[in-house]
Amino acid sequence: MTHVVTEACIQCKYTDCVDVCPVDCFKEGANFLTIDPDECIDCAVCIPECPVNAIYAEEDVPKDQQHMIKINADLALSANFKTITKRKDPLPTAEEWKDRTDKLAELKR
């Protein structure tokens, strides 16, 4: 099993989760983080660190976010997404985006 980053991360990209990950399974894109399902060890330490509650165990991903399971796996393989191992500042517009829903159209792949 793995963990999945959902749409709540899009346009925010808080990286608090990255600092606690023991296996460096997060990948960074322009406006989203993804979890590499082949690297994730299902430790769950990232879940409480996310200030926008964007991370779920795969079996707990809400029904309206199920599409994010495949998107995470696909983006983890993308050349546009690089491994991130240290916390960075969130996107400058994170505060205005953090409570919005239906952000998939904003995802930069």
Protein backbone atom coordinates (compact mmCIF):
# COMPACT_ATOMS: atom_id res chain seq x y z
CA MET A 1 0.00 0.00 0.00
CA THR A 2 1.10 3.57 -0.52
CA HIS A 3 0.06 7.08 0.33
CA VAL A 4 -1.52 9.50 -2.11
CA VAL A 5 -1.44 13.27 -2.45
CA THR A 6 -4.84 14.66 -3.40
CA GLU A 7 -6.03 17.81 -5.17
CA ALA A 8 -5.77 19.86 -1.96
CA CYS A 9 -2.02 20.16 -2.62
CA ILE A 10 -2.44 21.74 -6.06
CA GLN A 11 -1.42 25.41 -6.11
CA CYS A 12 -0.24 25.18 -2.47
CA LYS A 13 2.69 22.75 -2.40
CA TYR A 14 3.40 22.88 1.31
CA THR A 15 6.45 20.71 1.90
CA ASP A 16 6.21 19.99 5.63
CA CYS A 17 5.65 16.34 4.69
CA VAL A 18 9.00 16.13 2.91
CA ASP A 19 11.03 16.78 6.07
CA VAL A 20 9.59 13.77 7.91
CA CYS A 21 9.70 11.24 5.06
CA PRO A 22 12.30 8.59 5.91
CA VAL A 23 12.64 7.32 2.33
CA ASP A 24 12.46 10.50 0.22
CA CYS A 25 9.46 9.32 -1.79
CA PHE A 26 8.09 12.80 -2.57
CA LYS A 27 8.46 14.24 -6.05
CA GLU A 28 8.03 17.93 -6.80
CA GLY A 29 6.35 19.48 -9.80
CA ALA A 30 5.64 23.12 -10.55
CA ASN A 31 2.55 23.35 -8.33
CA PHE A 32 2.06 19.93 -6.74
CA LEU A 33 3.84 17.21 -4.79
CA THR A 34 3.33 13.55 -5.53
CA ILE A 35 4.31 10.37 -3.70
CA ASP A 36 6.18 7.71 -5.63
CA PRO A 37 4.22 4.52 -4.88
CA ASP A 38 7.31 2.39 -5.52
CA GLU A 39 9.28 4.27 -2.85
CA CYS A 40 6.62 4.87 -0.18
CA ILE A 41 6.91 2.48 2.78
CA ASP A 42 3.45 3.28 4.16
CA CYS A 43 4.80 4.75 7.41
CA ALA A 44 2.13 7.51 7.51
CA VAL A 45 4.38 10.12 9.19
CA CYS A 46 3.57 12.57 6.39
CA ILE A 47 -0.19 12.61 6.97
CA PRO A 48 -0.32 14.80 10.09
CA GLU A 49 2.33 17.15 8.69
CA CYS A 50 0.23 18.35 5.76
CA PRO A 51 -1.43 21.65 6.66
CA VAL A 52 -4.13 21.18 4.00
CA ASN A 53 -4.88 17.50 4.73
CA ALA A 54 -3.94 16.45 1.22
CA ILE A 55 -2.31 13.09 2.05
CA TYR A 56 -4.18 9.83 2.58
CA ALA A 57 -3.38 6.15 2.78
CA GLU A 58 -4.44 4.70 -0.56
CA GLU A 59 -7.29 2.74 1.00
CA ASP A 60 -8.59 5.93 2.66
CA VAL A 61 -8.57 8.25 -0.37
CA PRO A 62 -12.04 9.87 -0.56
CA LYS A 63 -14.26 8.73 -3.42
CA ASP A 64 -14.07 12.12 -5.13
CA GLN A 65 -10.25 11.88 -5.10
CA GLN A 66 -9.79 8.30 -6.34
CA HIS A 67 -8.47 9.60 -9.67
CA MET A 68 -5.45 10.97 -7.77
CA ILE A 69 -4.12 7.45 -7.11
CA LYS A 70 -3.26 6.99 -10.79
CA ILE A 71 -2.18 10.61 -11.20
CA ASN A 72 0.32 10.23 -8.32
CA ALA A 73 1.76 7.07 -9.86
CA ASP A 74 1.99 8.62 -13.33
CA LEU A 75 3.55 11.87 -12.15
CA ALA A 76 6.10 10.02 -10.02
CA LEU A 77 7.48 8.65 -13.30
CA SER A 78 7.40 12.00 -15.10
CA ALA A 79 10.67 13.72 -15.96
CA ASN A 80 8.98 16.97 -14.86
CA PHE A 81 8.75 15.73 -11.25
CA LYS A 82 12.02 15.50 -9.32
CA THR A 83 12.72 14.01 -5.91
CA ILE A 84 12.51 16.58 -3.11
CA THR A 85 14.25 15.91 0.20
CA LYS A 86 14.14 19.24 2.04
CA ARG A 87 11.33 21.58 3.00
CA LYS A 88 10.83 24.65 0.83
CA ASP A 89 8.53 27.62 1.12
CA PRO A 90 5.00 26.96 -0.17
CA LEU A 91 3.88 28.64 -3.35
CA PRO A 92 3.33 32.39 -2.90
CA THR A 93 -0.40 31.96 -3.55
CA ALA A 94 -0.82 28.96 -1.19
CA GLU A 95 -2.92 30.82 1.36
CA GLU A 96 -5.49 31.90 -1.21
CA TRP A 97 -5.70 28.38 -2.70
CA LYS A 98 -5.56 26.19 0.41
CA ASP A 99 -9.33 26.00 1.03
CA ARG A 100 -10.42 25.71 -2.59
CA THR A 101 -11.73 22.47 -4.05
CA ASP A 102 -11.85 21.05 -7.56
CA LYS A 103 -8.32 22.19 -8.41
CA LEU A 104 -7.41 19.41 -10.87
CA ALA A 105 -7.60 21.75 -13.87
CA GLU A 106 -4.81 23.80 -12.24
CA LEU A 107 -2.38 20.88 -12.04
CA LYS A 108 0.80 21.50 -14.05
CA ARG A 109 2.10 18.20 -15.29
